[in-house]
Amino acid sequence: MFGSRMKRALFLSGSGAALVGVTLLGAAPAMADTMVVAWTHGSVKAGPANGEREVSVVNKDYSYTGECWLEGDLVRDHGISNRNWVRLKLNSGGTGYVSAIYLKGNDKGNVPNHC
């Protein structure tokens, strides 16, 4: 009798442990926002593509909240070429995408998170 109770308890605890592991593995890591600074005036688009509609602009030496970066259309401006775009939180709500060539820092605007 004692042996069967012990086996049942171990089985239940093993199942619970497995479920906890699945839950933790399925959770996405939180991405921290990054403050970015524009080095020049640039267009903020609805998506990471040149043909997307303009939803806002960035202005020289102003700070913006960058969420993450991703590859999109190639942008050439001011003698610089880059495919990296940074997703920004817009003051009006929602998000927009700016080419990283308009931001100070590295080729990703110093944003460490990939979208």
PDB file of N, CA and C in Angstrom:
ATOM      1  N   MET A   1       0.820  -1.194   0.000  1.00  0.00           N
ATOM      2  CA  MET A   1       0.000   0.000   0.000  1.00  0.00           C
ATOM      3  C   MET A   1       0.870   1.267   0.000  1.00  0.00           C
ATOM      4  N   PHE A   2       1.851   1.316   0.880  1.00  0.00           N
ATOM      5  CA  PHE A   2       2.720   2.491   0.941  1.00  0.00           C
ATOM      6  C   PHE A   2       3.473   2.689  -0.380  1.00  0.00           C
ATOM      7  N   GLY A   3       3.896   1.582  -0.974  1.00  0.00           N
ATOM      8  CA  GLY A   3       4.637   1.661  -2.221  1.00  0.00           C
ATOM      9  C   GLY A   3       3.817   2.265  -3.348  1.00  0.00           C
ATOM     10  N   SER A   4       2.533   1.913  -3.468  1.00  0.00           N
ATOM     11  CA  SER A   4       1.703   2.455  -4.543  1.00  0.00           C
ATOM     12  C   SER A   4       1.427   3.939  -4.349  1.00  0.00           C
ATOM     13  N   ARG A   5       1.260   4.377  -3.102  1.00  0.00           N
ATOM     14  CA  ARG A   5       1.061   5.804  -2.831  1.00  0.00           C
ATOM     15  C   ARG A   5       2.317   6.586  -3.214  1.00  0.00           C
ATOM     16  N   MET A   6       3.459   6.040  -2.901  1.00  0.00           N
ATOM     17  CA  MET A   6       4.711   6.716  -3.210  1.00  0.00           C
ATOM     18  C   MET A   6       4.880   6.842  -4.722  1.00  0.00           C
ATOM     19  N   LYS A   7       4.575   5.793  -5.463  1.00  0.00           N
ATOM     20  CA  LYS A   7       4.698   5.845  -6.912  1.00  0.00           C
ATOM     21  C   LYS A   7       3.759   6.897  -7.497  1.00  0.00           C
ATOM     22  N   ARG A   8       2.530   6.947  -6.991  1.00  0.00           N
ATOM     23  CA  ARG A   8       1.553   7.916  -7.476  1.00  0.00           C
ATOM     24  C   ARG A   8       2.036   9.336  -7.196  1.00  0.00           C
ATOM     25  N   ALA A   9       2.557   9.589  -6.022  1.00  0.00           N
ATOM     26  CA  ALA A   9       3.039  10.920  -5.680  1.00  0.00           C
ATOM     27  C   ALA A   9       4.202  11.315  -6.588  1.00  0.00           C
ATOM     28  N   LEU A  10       5.106  10.404  -6.841  1.00  0.00           N
ATOM     29  CA  LEU A  10       6.230  10.709  -7.713  1.00  0.00           C
ATOM     30  C   LEU A  10       5.759  10.975  -9.136  1.00  0.00           C
ATOM     31  N   PHE A  11       4.797  10.200  -9.588  1.00  0.00           N
ATOM     32  CA  PHE A  11       4.261  10.393 -10.929  1.00  0.00           C
ATOM     33  C   PHE A  11       3.620  11.764 -11.062  1.00  0.00           C
ATOM     34  N   LEU A  12       2.811  12.154 -10.081  1.00  0.00           N
ATOM     35  CA  LEU A  12       2.152  13.468 -10.129  1.00  0.00           C
ATOM     36  C   LEU A  12       3.179  14.592 -10.062  1.00  0.00           C
ATOM     37  N   SER A  13       4.178  14.456  -9.204  1.00  0.00           N
ATOM     38  CA  SER A  13       5.150  15.508  -9.138  1.00  0.00           C
ATOM     39  C   SER A  13       5.969  15.588 -10.400  1.00  0.00           C
ATOM     40  N   GLY A  14       6.224  14.470 -11.039  1.00  0.00           N
ATOM     41  CA  GLY A  14       6.948  14.488 -12.305  1.00  0.00           C
ATOM     42  C   GLY A  14       6.146  15.187 -13.391  1.00  0.00           C
ATOM     43  N   SER A  15       4.845  14.936 -13.439  1.00  0.00           N
ATOM     44  CA  SER A  15       3.988  15.588 -14.434  1.00  0.00           C
ATOM     45  C   SER A  15       3.940  17.084 -14.209  1.00  0.00           C
ATOM     46  N   GLY A  16       3.802  17.481 -12.942  1.00  0.00           N
ATOM     47  CA  GLY A  16       3.764  18.909 -12.634  1.00  0.00           C
ATOM     48  C   GLY A  16       5.058  19.590 -13.024  1.00  0.00           C
ATOM     49  N   ALA A  17       6.158  18.926 -12.764  1.00  0.00           N
ATOM     50  CA  ALA A  17       7.451  19.503 -13.123  1.00  0.00           C
ATOM     51  C   ALA A  17       7.580  19.648 -14.628  1.00  0.00           C
ATOM     52  N   ALA A  18       7.088  18.670 -15.371  1.00  0.00           N
ATOM     53  CA  ALA A  18       7.149  18.743 -16.833  1.00  0.00           C
ATOM     54  C   ALA A  18       6.302  19.898 -17.345  1.00  0.00           C
ATOM     55  N   LEU A  19       5.135  20.097 -16.770  1.00  0.00           N
ATOM     56  CA  LEU A  19       4.274  21.195 -17.207  1.00  0.00           C
ATOM     57  C   LEU A  19       4.906  22.544 -16.912  1.00  0.00           C
ATOM     58  N   VAL A  20       5.545  22.662 -15.764  1.00  0.00           N
ATOM     59  CA  VAL A  20       6.218  23.917 -15.442  1.00  0.00           C
ATOM     60  C   VAL A  20       7.317  24.180 -16.469  1.00  0.00           C
ATOM     61  N   GLY A  21       8.071  23.156 -16.822  1.00  0.00           N
ATOM     62  CA  GLY A  21       9.126  23.303 -17.812  1.00  0.00           C
ATOM     63  C   GLY A  21       8.589  23.747 -19.155  1.00  0.00           C
ATOM     64  N   VAL A  22       7.459  23.194 -19.570  1.00  0.00           N
ATOM     65  CA  VAL A  22       6.858  23.566 -20.849  1.00  0.00           C
ATOM     66  C   VAL A  22       6.421  25.019 -20.814  1.00  0.00           C
ATOM     67  N   THR A  23       5.834  25.425 -19.711  1.00  0.00           N
ATOM     68  CA  THR A  23       5.388  26.807 -19.592  1.00  0.00           C
ATOM     69  C   THR A  23       6.580  27.763 -19.679  1.00  0.00           C
ATOM     70  N   LEU A  24       7.646  27.463 -18.996  1.00  0.00           N
ATOM     71  CA  LEU A  24       8.808  28.351 -19.021  1.00  0.00           C
ATOM     72  C   LEU A  24       9.451  28.395 -20.396  1.00  0.00           C
ATOM     73  N   LEU A  25       9.533  27.256 -21.068  1.00  0.00           N
ATOM     74  CA  LEU A  25      10.145  27.240 -22.390  1.00  0.00           C
ATOM     75  C   LEU A  25       9.304  27.995 -23.408  1.00  0.00           C
ATOM     76  N   GLY A  26       7.984  27.996 -23.238  1.00  0.00           N
ATOM     77  CA  GLY A  26       7.106  28.661 -24.184  1.00  0.00           C
ATOM     78  C   GLY A  26       7.043  30.163 -24.001  1.00  0.00           C
ATOM     79  N   ALA A  27       7.511  30.671 -22.875  1.00  0.00           N
ATOM     80  CA  ALA A  27       7.433  32.104 -22.605  1.00  0.00           C
ATOM     81  C   ALA A  27       8.517  32.839 -23.384  1.00  0.00           C
ATOM     82  N   ALA A  28       8.129  33.915 -24.059  1.00  0.00           N
ATOM     83  CA  ALA A  28       9.096  34.721 -24.817  1.00  0.00           C
ATOM     84  C   ALA A  28       9.812  35.672 -23.872  1.00  0.00           C
ATOM     85  N   PRO A  29      11.102  35.875 -24.062  1.00  0.00           N
ATOM     86  CA  PRO A  29      11.815  36.815 -23.205  1.00  0.00           C
ATOM     87  C   PRO A  29      11.343  38.237 -23.476  1.00  0.00           C
ATOM     88  N   ALA A  30      11.285  39.026 -22.446  1.00  0.00           N
ATOM     89  CA  ALA A  30      10.853  40.417 -22.590  1.00  0.00           C
ATOM     90  C   ALA A  30      11.964  41.228 -23.250  1.00  0.00           C
ATOM     91  N   MET A  31      11.588  42.105 -24.163  1.00  0.00           N
ATOM     92  CA  MET A  31      12.563  42.980 -24.810  1.00  0.00           C
ATOM     93  C   MET A  31      12.470  44.362 -24.175  1.00  0.00           C
ATOM     94  N   ALA A  32      13.597  44.899 -23.810  1.00  0.00           N
ATOM     95  CA  ALA A  32      13.636  46.239 -23.243  1.00  0.00           C
ATOM     96  C   ALA A  32      13.707  47.266 -24.372  1.00  0.00           C
ATOM     97  N   ASP A  33      13.005  48.360 -24.206  1.00  0.00           N
ATOM     98  CA  ASP A  33      13.074  49.454 -25.172  1.00  0.00           C
ATOM     99  C   ASP A  33      14.445  50.125 -25.075  1.00  0.00           C
ATOM    100  N   THR A  34      14.855  50.749 -26.162  1.00  0.00           N
ATOM    101  CA  THR A  34      16.139  51.441 -26.237  1.00  0.00           C
ATOM    102  C   THR A  34      15.897  52.865 -26.721  1.00  0.00           C
ATOM    103  N   MET A  35      16.466  53.832 -26.026  1.00  0.00           N
ATOM    104  CA  MET A  35      16.366  55.206 -26.494  1.00  0.00           C
ATOM    105  C   MET A  35      17.334  55.381 -27.660  1.00  0.00           C
ATOM    106  N   VAL A  36      16.824  55.904 -28.770  1.00  0.00           N
ATOM    107  CA  VAL A  36      17.643  56.157 -29.947  1.00  0.00           C
ATOM    108  C   VAL A  36      17.618  57.648 -30.242  1.00  0.00           C
ATOM    109  N   VAL A  37      18.651  58.122 -30.911  1.00  0.00           N
ATOM    110  CA  VAL A  37      18.759  59.549 -31.235  1.00  0.00           C
ATOM    111  C   VAL A  37      18.998  59.684 -32.733  1.00  0.00           C
ATOM    112  N   ALA A  38      18.232  60.569 -33.363  1.00  0.00           N
ATOM    113  CA  ALA A  38      18.406  60.816 -34.799  1.00  0.00           C
ATOM    114  C   ALA A  38      19.600  61.735 -35.017  1.00  0.00           C
ATOM    115  N   TRP A  39      20.429  61.402 -36.006  1.00  0.00           N
ATOM    116  CA  TRP A  39      21.558  62.290 -36.331  1.00  0.00           C
ATOM    117  C   TRP A  39      21.184  63.248 -37.441  1.00  0.00           C
ATOM    118  N   THR A  40      20.053  62.963 -38.126  1.00  0.00           N
ATOM    119  CA  THR A  40      19.543  63.832 -39.180  1.00  0.00           C
ATOM    120  C   THR A  40      18.045  63.578 -39.343  1.00  0.00           C
ATOM    121  N   HIS A  41      17.390  64.416 -40.110  1.00  0.00           N
ATOM    122  CA  HIS A  41      15.964  64.267 -40.390  1.00  0.00           C
ATOM    123  C   HIS A  41      15.728  63.021 -41.247  1.00  0.00           C
ATOM    124  N   GLY A  42      14.702  62.240 -40.912  1.00  0.00           N
ATOM    125  CA  GLY A  42      14.384  61.053 -41.694  1.00  0.00           C
ATOM    126  C   GLY A  42      12.923  60.691 -41.594  1.00  0.00           C
ATOM    127  N   SER A  43      12.458  59.951 -42.563  1.00  0.00           N
ATOM    128  CA  SER A  43      11.076  59.528 -42.645  1.00  0.00           C
ATOM    129  C   SER A  43      10.819  58.271 -41.820  1.00  0.00           C
ATOM    130  N   VAL A  44       9.684  58.228 -41.126  1.00  0.00           N
ATOM    131  CA  VAL A  44       9.235  57.038 -40.396  1.00  0.00           C
ATOM    132  C   VAL A  44       8.086  56.446 -41.200  1.00  0.00           C
ATOM    133  N   LYS A  45       8.216  55.187 -41.558  1.00  0.00           N
ATOM    134  CA  LYS A  45       7.259  54.529 -42.449  1.00  0.00           C
ATOM    135  C   LYS A  45       6.354  53.566 -41.685  1.00  0.00           C
ATOM    136  N   ALA A  46       5.254  53.179 -42.302  1.00  0.00           N
ATOM    137  CA  ALA A  46       4.313  52.220 -41.713  1.00  0.00           C
ATOM    138  C   ALA A  46       4.910  50.822 -41.639  1.00  0.00           C
ATOM    139  N   GLY A  47       5.890  50.530 -42.470  1.00  0.00           N
ATOM    140  CA  GLY A  47       6.583  49.242 -42.484  1.00  0.00           C
ATOM    141  C   GLY A  47       8.012  49.450 -42.925  1.00  0.00           C
ATOM    142  N   PRO A  48       8.849  48.411 -42.833  1.00  0.00           N
ATOM    143  CA  PRO A  48      10.270  48.556 -43.172  1.00  0.00           C
ATOM    144  C   PRO A  48      10.544  48.493 -44.672  1.00  0.00           C
ATOM    145  N   ALA A  49       9.875  49.365 -45.412  1.00  0.00           N
ATOM    146  CA  ALA A  49      10.011  49.376 -46.873  1.00  0.00           C
ATOM    147  C   ALA A  49       9.876  50.802 -47.384  1.00  0.00           C
ATOM    148  N   ASN A  50      10.644  51.116 -48.433  1.00  0.00           N
ATOM    149  CA  ASN A  50      10.625  52.467 -49.012  1.00  0.00           C
ATOM    150  C   ASN A  50       9.249  52.870 -49.523  1.00  0.00           C
ATOM    151  N   GLY A  51       8.463  51.922 -50.016  1.00  0.00           N
ATOM    152  CA  GLY A  51       7.160  52.229 -50.592  1.00  0.00           C
ATOM    153  C   GLY A  51       6.038  52.394 -49.587  1.00  0.00           C
ATOM    154  N   GLU A  52       6.302  52.137 -48.311  1.00  0.00           N
ATOM    155  CA  GLU A  52       5.264  52.294 -47.278  1.00  0.00           C
ATOM    156  C   GLU A  52       4.942  53.775 -47.073  1.00  0.00           C
ATOM    157  N   ARG A  53       3.759  54.037 -46.583  1.00  0.00           N
ATOM    158  CA  ARG A  53       3.369  55.441 -46.357  1.00  0.00           C
ATOM    159  C   ARG A  53       4.116  56.006 -45.158  1.00  0.00           C
ATOM    160  N   GLU A  54       4.398  57.289 -45.216  1.00  0.00           N
ATOM    161  CA  GLU A  54       5.073  57.981 -44.118  1.00  0.00           C
ATOM    162  C   GLU A  54       4.072  58.223 -42.996  1.00  0.00           C
ATOM    163  N   VAL A  55       4.432  57.813 -41.772  1.00  0.00           N
ATOM    164  CA  VAL A  55       3.542  57.999 -40.621  1.00  0.00           C
ATOM    165  C   VAL A  55       4.077  59.042 -39.644  1.00  0.00           C
ATOM    166  N   SER A  56       5.360  59.382 -39.776  1.00  0.00           N
ATOM    167  CA  SER A  56       5.969  60.373 -38.894  1.00  0.00           C
ATOM    168  C   SER A  56       7.361  60.698 -39.437  1.00  0.00           C
ATOM    169  N   VAL A  57       8.115  61.478 -38.691  1.00  0.00           N
ATOM    170  CA  VAL A  57       9.500  61.780 -39.039  1.00  0.00           C
ATOM    171  C   VAL A  57      10.332  61.756 -37.761  1.00  0.00           C
ATOM    172  N   VAL A  58      11.651  61.590 -37.942  1.00  0.00           N
ATOM    173  CA  VAL A  58      12.585  61.806 -36.839  1.00  0.00           C
ATOM    174  C   VAL A  58      13.358  63.071 -37.164  1.00  0.00           C
ATOM    175  N   ASN A  59      13.710  63.814 -36.129  1.00  0.00           N
ATOM    176  CA  ASN A  59      14.426  65.069 -36.299  1.00  0.00           C
ATOM    177  C   ASN A  59      15.774  65.024 -35.601  1.00  0.00           C
ATOM    178  N   LYS A  60      16.746  65.683 -36.201  1.00  0.00           N
ATOM    179  CA  LYS A  60      18.125  65.702 -35.715  1.00  0.00           C
ATOM    180  C   LYS A  60      18.195  65.992 -34.219  1.00  0.00           C
ATOM    181  N   ASP A  61      18.962  65.136 -33.513  1.00  0.00           N
ATOM    182  CA  ASP A  61      19.259  65.263 -32.085  1.00  0.00           C
ATOM    183  C   ASP A  61      18.060  65.040 -31.155  1.00  0.00           C
ATOM    184  N   TYR A  62      16.933  64.595 -31.669  1.00  0.00           N
ATOM    185  CA  TYR A  62      15.799  64.244 -30.825  1.00  0.00           C
ATOM    186  C   TYR A  62      15.865  62.762 -30.479  1.00  0.00           C
ATOM    187  N   SER A  63      15.355  62.409 -29.299  1.00  0.00           N
ATOM    188  CA  SER A  63      15.342  61.019 -28.835  1.00  0.00           C
ATOM    189  C   SER A  63      13.994  60.367 -29.110  1.00  0.00           C
ATOM    190  N   TYR A  64      14.047  59.071 -29.385  1.00  0.00           N
ATOM    191  CA  TYR A  64      12.858  58.276 -29.679  1.00  0.00           C
ATOM    192  C   TYR A  64      12.990  56.922 -28.995  1.00  0.00           C
ATOM    193  N   THR A  65      11.876  56.238 -28.824  1.00  0.00           N
ATOM    194  CA  THR A  65      11.885  54.921 -28.191  1.00  0.00           C
ATOM    195  C   THR A  65      11.921  53.844 -29.262  1.00  0.00           C
ATOM    196  N   GLY A  66      13.053  53.124 -29.321  1.00  0.00           N
ATOM    197  CA  GLY A  66      13.202  52.028 -30.260  1.00  0.00           C
ATOM    198  C   GLY A  66      12.862  50.713 -29.583  1.00  0.00           C
ATOM    199  N   GLU A  67      12.087  49.881 -30.266  1.00  0.00           N
ATOM    200  CA  GLU A  67      11.703  48.578 -29.700  1.00  0.00           C
ATOM    201  C   GLU A  67      12.645  47.467 -30.156  1.00  0.00           C
ATOM    202  N   CYS A  68      12.933  47.428 -31.444  1.00  0.00           N
ATOM    203  CA  CYS A  68      13.753  46.361 -32.010  1.00  0.00           C
ATOM    204  C   CYS A  68      14.144  46.754 -33.428  1.00  0.00           C
ATOM    205  N   TRP A  69      14.995  45.944 -34.046  1.00  0.00           N
ATOM    206  CA  TRP A  69      15.416  46.195 -35.427  1.00  0.00           C
ATOM    207  C   TRP A  69      15.144  44.960 -36.267  1.00  0.00           C
ATOM    208  N   LEU A  70      15.032  45.157 -37.572  1.00  0.00           N
ATOM    209  CA  LEU A  70      14.872  44.061 -38.521  1.00  0.00           C
ATOM    210  C   LEU A  70      15.372  44.501 -39.880  1.00  0.00           C
ATOM    211  N   GLU A  71      15.578  43.546 -40.764  1.00  0.00           N
ATOM    212  CA  GLU A  71      15.996  43.875 -42.124  1.00  0.00           C
ATOM    213  C   GLU A  71      14.783  44.197 -42.976  1.00  0.00           C
ATOM    214  N   GLY A  72      14.953  45.170 -43.848  1.00  0.00           N
ATOM    215  CA  GLY A  72      13.902  45.562 -44.772  1.00  0.00           C
ATOM    216  C   GLY A  72      14.535  46.042 -46.062  1.00  0.00           C
ATOM    217  N   ASP A  73      13.860  46.957 -46.732  1.00  0.00           N
ATOM    218  CA  ASP A  73      14.388  47.517 -47.973  1.00  0.00           C
ATOM    219  C   ASP A  73      15.707  48.248 -47.731  1.00  0.00           C
ATOM    220  N   LEU A  74      16.569  48.206 -48.739  1.00  0.00           N
ATOM    221  CA  LEU A  74      17.813  48.953 -48.706  1.00  0.00           C
ATOM    222  C   LEU A  74      17.504  50.446 -48.817  1.00  0.00           C
ATOM    223  N   VAL A  75      18.111  51.230 -47.947  1.00  0.00           N
ATOM    224  CA  VAL A  75      17.960  52.684 -47.986  1.00  0.00           C
ATOM    225  C   VAL A  75      19.337  53.281 -48.245  1.00  0.00           C
ATOM    226  N   ARG A  76      19.387  54.221 -49.183  1.00  0.00           N
ATOM    227  CA  ARG A  76      20.614  54.962 -49.497  1.00  0.00           C
ATOM    228  C   ARG A  76      20.323  56.447 -49.323  1.00  0.00           C
ATOM    229  N   ASP A  77      21.099  57.075 -48.449  1.00  0.00           N
ATOM    230  CA  ASP A  77      20.928  58.507 -48.217  1.00  0.00           C
ATOM    231  C   ASP A  77      22.185  59.029 -47.526  1.00  0.00           C
ATOM    232  N   HIS A  78      22.557  60.247 -47.795  1.00  0.00           N
ATOM    233  CA  HIS A  78      23.731  60.875 -47.176  1.00  0.00           C
ATOM    234  C   HIS A  78      24.993  60.036 -47.359  1.00  0.00           C
ATOM    235  N   GLY A  79      25.100  59.307 -48.473  1.00  0.00           N
ATOM    236  CA  GLY A  79      26.277  58.492 -48.748  1.00  0.00           C
ATOM    237  C   GLY A  79      26.342  57.198 -47.945  1.00  0.00           C
ATOM    238  N   ILE A  80      25.242  56.828 -47.306  1.00  0.00           N
ATOM    239  CA  ILE A  80      25.188  55.614 -46.473  1.00  0.00           C
ATOM    240  C   ILE A  80      24.138  54.668 -47.056  1.00  0.00           C
ATOM    241  N   SER A  81      24.411  53.368 -46.997  1.00  0.00           N
ATOM    242  CA  SER A  81      23.444  52.341 -47.414  1.00  0.00           C
ATOM    243  C   SER A  81      23.255  51.349 -46.279  1.00  0.00           C
ATOM    244  N   ASN A  82      22.014  50.944 -46.038  1.00  0.00           N
ATOM    245  CA  ASN A  82      21.739  50.001 -44.951  1.00  0.00           C
ATOM    246  C   ASN A  82      20.355  49.381 -45.168  1.00  0.00           C
ATOM    247  N   ARG A  83      20.209  48.108 -44.790  1.00  0.00           N
ATOM    248  CA  ARG A  83      18.923  47.409 -44.852  1.00  0.00           C
ATOM    249  C   ARG A  83      18.230  47.326 -43.492  1.00  0.00           C
ATOM    250  N   ASN A  84      18.882  47.792 -42.429  1.00  0.00           N
ATOM    251  CA  ASN A  84      18.302  47.674 -41.084  1.00  0.00           C
ATOM    252  C   ASN A  84      17.344  48.814 -40.789  1.00  0.00           C
ATOM    253  N   TRP A  85      16.202  48.436 -40.236  1.00  0.00           N
ATOM    254  CA  TRP A  85      15.163  49.384 -39.835  1.00  0.00           C
ATOM    255  C   TRP A  85      14.892  49.191 -38.356  1.00  0.00           C
ATOM    256  N   VAL A  86      14.563  50.276 -37.670  1.00  0.00           N
ATOM    257  CA  VAL A  86      14.249  50.232 -36.246  1.00  0.00           C
ATOM    258  C   VAL A  86      12.766  50.536 -36.065  1.00  0.00           C
ATOM    259  N   ARG A  87      12.095  49.652 -35.294  1.00  0.00           N
ATOM    260  CA  ARG A  87      10.675  49.891 -34.980  1.00  0.00           C
ATOM    261  C   ARG A  87      10.611  50.849 -33.804  1.00  0.00           C
ATOM    262  N   LEU A  88       9.919  51.963 -34.004  1.00  0.00           N
ATOM    263  CA  LEU A  88       9.780  53.009 -32.992  1.00  0.00           C
ATOM    264  C   LEU A  88       8.371  53.017 -32.424  1.00  0.00           C
ATOM    265  N   LYS A  89       8.267  53.375 -31.145  1.00  0.00           N
ATOM    266  CA  LYS A  89       6.959  53.667 -30.554  1.00  0.00           C
ATOM    267  C   LYS A  89       6.627  55.105 -30.931  1.00  0.00           C
ATOM    268  N   LEU A  90       5.469  55.300 -31.516  1.00  0.00           N
ATOM    269  CA  LEU A  90       5.058  56.642 -31.920  1.00  0.00           C
ATOM    270  C   LEU A  90       4.333  57.347 -30.789  1.00  0.00           C
ATOM    271  N   ASN A  91       4.545  58.656 -30.644  1.00  0.00           N
ATOM    272  CA  ASN A  91       3.850  59.436 -29.622  1.00  0.00           C
ATOM    273  C   ASN A  91       2.346  59.409 -29.830  1.00  0.00           C
ATOM    274  N   SER A  92       1.926  59.266 -31.084  1.00  0.00           N
ATOM    275  CA  SER A  92       0.497  59.250 -31.392  1.00  0.00           C
ATOM    276  C   SER A  92      -0.120  57.868 -31.155  1.00  0.00           C
ATOM    277  N   GLY A  93       0.711  56.903 -30.743  1.00  0.00           N
ATOM    278  CA  GLY A  93       0.255  55.531 -30.543  1.00  0.00           C
ATOM    279  C   GLY A  93       0.670  54.683 -31.728  1.00  0.00           C
ATOM    280  N   GLY A  94       0.816  53.412 -31.508  1.00  0.00           N
ATOM    281  CA  GLY A  94       1.228  52.518 -32.568  1.00  0.00           C
ATOM    282  C   GLY A  94       2.731  52.546 -32.772  1.00  0.00           C
ATOM    283  N   THR A  95       3.157  52.011 -33.913  1.00  0.00           N
ATOM    284  CA  THR A  95       4.576  51.932 -34.216  1.00  0.00           C
ATOM    285  C   THR A  95       4.852  52.407 -35.634  1.00  0.00           C
ATOM    286  N   GLY A  96       6.099  52.705 -35.882  1.00  0.00           N
ATOM    287  CA  GLY A  96       6.572  53.071 -37.209  1.00  0.00           C
ATOM    288  C   GLY A  96       7.991  52.570 -37.356  1.00  0.00           C
ATOM    289  N   TYR A  97       8.504  52.602 -38.569  1.00  0.00           N
ATOM    290  CA  TYR A  97       9.836  52.078 -38.864  1.00  0.00           C
ATOM    291  C   TYR A  97      10.694  53.158 -39.506  1.00  0.00           C
ATOM    292  N   VAL A  98      11.903  53.307 -38.973  1.00  0.00           N
ATOM    293  CA  VAL A  98      12.849  54.272 -39.517  1.00  0.00           C
ATOM    294  C   VAL A  98      14.115  53.519 -39.915  1.00  0.00           C
ATOM    295  N   SER A  99      14.679  53.906 -41.046  1.00  0.00           N
ATOM    296  CA  SER A  99      15.949  53.304 -41.445  1.00  0.00           C
ATOM    297  C   SER A  99      17.001  53.670 -40.408  1.00  0.00           C
ATOM    298  N   ALA A 100      17.839  52.700 -40.054  1.00  0.00           N
ATOM    299  CA  ALA A 100      18.884  52.939 -39.059  1.00  0.00           C
ATOM    300  C   ALA A 100      19.912  53.960 -39.532  1.00  0.00           C
ATOM    301  N   ILE A 101      19.939  54.282 -40.826  1.00  0.00           N
ATOM    302  CA  ILE A 101      20.908  55.290 -41.287  1.00  0.00           C
ATOM    303  C   ILE A 101      20.598  56.671 -40.729  1.00  0.00           C
ATOM    304  N   TYR A 102      19.378  56.889 -40.269  1.00  0.00           N
ATOM    305  CA  TYR A 102      19.000  58.182 -39.718  1.00  0.00           C
ATOM    306  C   TYR A 102      19.253  58.278 -38.214  1.00  0.00           C
ATOM    307  N   LEU A 103      19.766  57.190 -37.606  1.00  0.00           N
ATOM    308  CA  LEU A 103      19.985  57.152 -36.163  1.00  0.00           C
ATOM    309  C   LEU A 103      21.473  57.134 -35.839  1.00  0.00           C
ATOM    310  N   LYS A 104      21.827  57.738 -34.718  1.00  0.00           N
ATOM    311  CA  LYS A 104      23.209  57.699 -34.240  1.00  0.00           C
ATOM    312  C   LYS A 104      23.529  56.288 -33.765  1.00  0.00           C
ATOM    313  N   GLY A 105      24.808  55.940 -33.813  1.00  0.00           N
ATOM    314  CA  GLY A 105      25.238  54.646 -33.299  1.00  0.00           C
ATOM    315  C   GLY A 105      25.652  53.700 -34.398  1.00  0.00           C
ATOM    316  N   ASN A 106      25.462  52.417 -34.159  1.00  0.00           N
ATOM    317  CA  ASN A 106      25.899  51.397 -35.108  1.00  0.00           C
ATOM    318  C   ASN A 106      24.885  51.212 -36.238  1.00  0.00           C
ATOM    319  N   ASP A 107      25.067  50.162 -37.026  1.00  0.00           N
ATOM    320  CA  ASP A 107      24.202  49.934 -38.190  1.00  0.00           C
ATOM    321  C   ASP A 107      22.788  49.504 -37.821  1.00  0.00           C
ATOM    322  N   LYS A 108      22.501  49.392 -36.530  1.00  0.00           N
ATOM    323  CA  LYS A 108      21.163  49.062 -36.039  1.00  0.00           C
ATOM    324  C   LYS A 108      20.636  50.165 -35.111  1.00  0.00           C
ATOM    325  N   GLY A 109      21.233  51.333 -35.184  1.00  0.00           N
ATOM    326  CA  GLY A 109      20.818  52.454 -34.333  1.00  0.00           C
ATOM    327  C   GLY A 109      21.067  52.200 -32.862  1.00  0.00           C
ATOM    328  N   ASN A 110      21.993  51.284 -32.558  1.00  0.00           N
ATOM    329  CA  ASN A 110      22.317  50.867 -31.186  1.00  0.00           C
ATOM    330  C   ASN A 110      21.187  50.103 -30.500  1.00  0.00           C
ATOM    331  N   VAL A 111      20.246  49.577 -31.275  1.00  0.00           N
ATOM    332  CA  VAL A 111      19.149  48.775 -30.729  1.00  0.00           C
ATOM    333  C   VAL A 111      19.582  47.318 -30.706  1.00  0.00           C
ATOM    334  N   PRO A 112      19.654  46.684 -29.525  1.00  0.00           N
ATOM    335  CA  PRO A 112      20.167  45.312 -29.447  1.00  0.00           C
ATOM    336  C   PRO A 112      19.151  44.240 -29.810  1.00  0.00           C
ATOM    337  N   ASN A 113      17.877  44.529 -29.704  1.00  0.00           N
ATOM    338  CA  ASN A 113      16.833  43.516 -29.891  1.00  0.00           C
ATOM    339  C   ASN A 113      16.450  43.343 -31.348  1.00  0.00           C
ATOM    340  N   HIS A 114      16.452  42.112 -31.807  1.00  0.00           N
ATOM    341  CA  HIS A 114      15.954  41.794 -33.155  1.00  0.00           C
ATOM    342  C   HIS A 114      14.453  41.539 -33.035  1.00  0.00           C
ATOM    343  N   CYS A 115      13.663  42.076 -33.980  1.00  0.00           N
ATOM    344  CA  CYS A 115      12.204  41.895 -33.934  1.00  0.00           C
ATOM    345  C   CYS A 115      11.823  40.455 -34.235  1.00  0.00           C
TER     346      CYS A 115
END
